[in-house]
Protein backbone atom coordinates (compact mmCIF):
# COMPACT_ATOMS: atom_id res chain seq x y z
CA MET A 1 31.96 109.94 194.72
CA THR A 2 34.04 107.60 196.84
CA LEU A 3 36.98 109.99 197.06
CA PHE A 4 34.91 113.07 197.85
CA VAL A 5 32.78 111.38 200.49
CA GLY A 6 35.80 109.67 202.06
CA ALA A 7 37.90 112.86 202.02
CA HIS A 8 35.14 115.17 203.24
CA SER A 9 36.63 115.59 206.72
CA LEU A 10 39.86 116.84 205.09
CA LEU A 11 38.01 119.08 202.63
CA ASP A 12 35.81 120.69 205.28
CA GLY A 13 38.77 121.26 207.63
CA ARG A 14 37.87 118.85 210.44
CA ILE A 15 41.22 117.18 209.88
CA ARG A 16 44.31 118.92 208.53
CA GLN A 17 46.60 116.10 207.45
CA VAL A 18 46.17 112.98 205.36
CA SER A 19 47.86 111.09 208.20
CA ASP A 20 44.88 112.04 210.41
CA PHE A 21 42.42 109.89 208.49
CA GLY A 22 41.20 107.21 210.86
CA ASP A 23 39.44 103.94 210.45
CA THR A 24 36.07 105.56 211.19
CA GLU A 25 35.75 107.45 207.89
CA ARG A 26 33.50 105.68 205.44
CA PRO A 27 34.38 105.00 202.81
CA THR A 28 37.96 104.61 203.91
CA ILE A 29 40.46 106.22 201.56
CA ARG A 30 44.14 105.51 201.92
CA TRP A 31 47.37 105.35 200.01
CA ASP A 32 50.76 103.86 200.81
CA LEU A 33 53.01 105.92 203.06
CA SER A 34 50.32 108.54 203.75
CA HIS A 35 51.42 108.45 207.40
CA SER A 36 54.38 110.56 206.30
CA LEU A 37 52.08 113.37 205.11
CA ASN A 38 51.96 115.05 208.49
CA GLY A 39 52.45 118.76 207.82
CA LYS A 40 56.21 118.88 207.47
CA TYR A 41 56.42 119.87 203.82
CA SER A 42 59.75 121.66 203.51
CA ASP A 43 63.39 120.88 203.09
CA ASP A 44 64.10 122.40 206.53
CA TYR A 45 65.17 119.44 208.67
CA SER A 46 66.19 121.53 211.68
CA GLY A 47 62.94 120.82 213.50
CA ASN A 48 61.91 124.47 213.22
CA ALA A 49 59.87 124.22 210.02
CA PRO A 50 56.25 125.26 210.45
CA ILE A 51 53.51 122.65 210.25
CA CYS A 52 51.36 123.30 207.17
CA ASP A 53 47.91 122.00 206.27
CA PHE A 54 47.95 119.32 203.57
CA LEU A 55 45.44 121.47 201.67
CA PRO A 56 45.44 125.18 202.44
CA GLU A 57 42.04 126.62 203.35
CA GLU A 58 41.65 128.50 200.06
CA ASN A 59 42.31 125.28 198.12
CA ARG A 60 39.80 123.34 200.25
CA ARG A 61 37.17 126.01 199.64
CA ALA A 62 37.86 126.02 195.92
CA VAL A 63 37.45 122.24 195.73
CA MET A 64 34.18 122.33 197.69
CA GLU A 65 32.77 125.19 195.60
CA THR A 66 33.77 123.53 192.33
CA VAL A 67 32.31 120.16 193.21
CA ARG A 68 29.11 121.71 194.54
CA SER A 69 28.71 123.84 191.41
CA PHE A 70 28.82 120.70 189.28
CA VAL A 71 26.47 118.51 191.33
CA THR A 72 23.10 119.75 190.16
CA GLU A 73 19.94 117.75 190.70
CA PRO A 74 19.73 116.69 187.01
CA VAL A 75 23.35 115.50 187.08
CA PHE A 76 22.77 113.59 190.30
CA LEU A 77 19.60 111.95 188.97
CA GLU A 78 21.44 110.95 185.80
CA TRP A 79 24.18 109.37 187.92
CA LEU A 80 21.59 107.47 189.95
CA ALA A 81 19.92 106.16 186.79
CA SER A 82 23.28 105.11 185.38
CA ILE A 83 24.30 103.38 188.63
CA GLY A 84 20.91 101.66 188.82
CA ARG A 85 21.47 99.99 185.46
CA ASP A 86 24.30 97.95 187.00
CA GLU A 87 22.90 95.94 189.91
CA SER A 88 26.29 94.95 191.32
CA LEU A 89 27.47 98.58 191.30
CA ALA A 90 24.25 99.76 192.94
CA LEU A 91 24.64 97.15 195.67
CA GLU A 92 28.31 97.96 196.17
CA LEU A 93 27.70 101.70 196.49
CA TYR A 94 24.75 101.24 198.86
CA ASP A 95 24.01 104.72 200.28
CA LEU A 96 27.18 106.41 198.99
CA PRO A 97 25.43 108.39 196.21
CA PHE A 98 22.95 109.83 198.72
CA ARG A 99 25.71 110.71 201.17
CA TYR A 100 27.50 112.43 198.27
CA TRP A 101 24.34 114.41 197.48
CA GLU A 102 23.95 115.41 201.14
CA LEU A 103 27.54 116.72 201.24
CA TYR A 104 27.92 118.25 197.80
CA GLY A 105 24.51 118.63 196.16
CA GLN A 106 23.08 122.01 195.20
CA SER A 107 20.74 121.90 198.20
CA GLN A 108 23.81 121.72 200.49
CA LYS A 109 25.32 124.73 198.76
CA ARG A 110 22.22 126.79 199.61
CA ALA A 111 22.20 125.50 203.21
CA ASP A 112 25.80 126.65 203.76
CA ALA A 113 25.23 130.12 202.30
């Protein structure tokens, strides 16, 4: 959930590079040296290499469709029940499960169609 909510702006195409993640995304997802993932993904060092998206559009769509096909209401409710059994986890996640449902739940899939 954390990864998919945090990476949503990359998956929906609002940003194109991992280096474009800012401090405003919540939850914040980062990894060391991600600033170097800036669209220059070739061994052409002449300065003429094209800038490429970190995830091509067809890959982003495939990820979104796959995740949304999995996140059914029964699965989501099972996750909520499981999370609720661990009070510290429930407190730590706060509204993240509901944000996940808003972005990837079956109801979102119908709204985008």
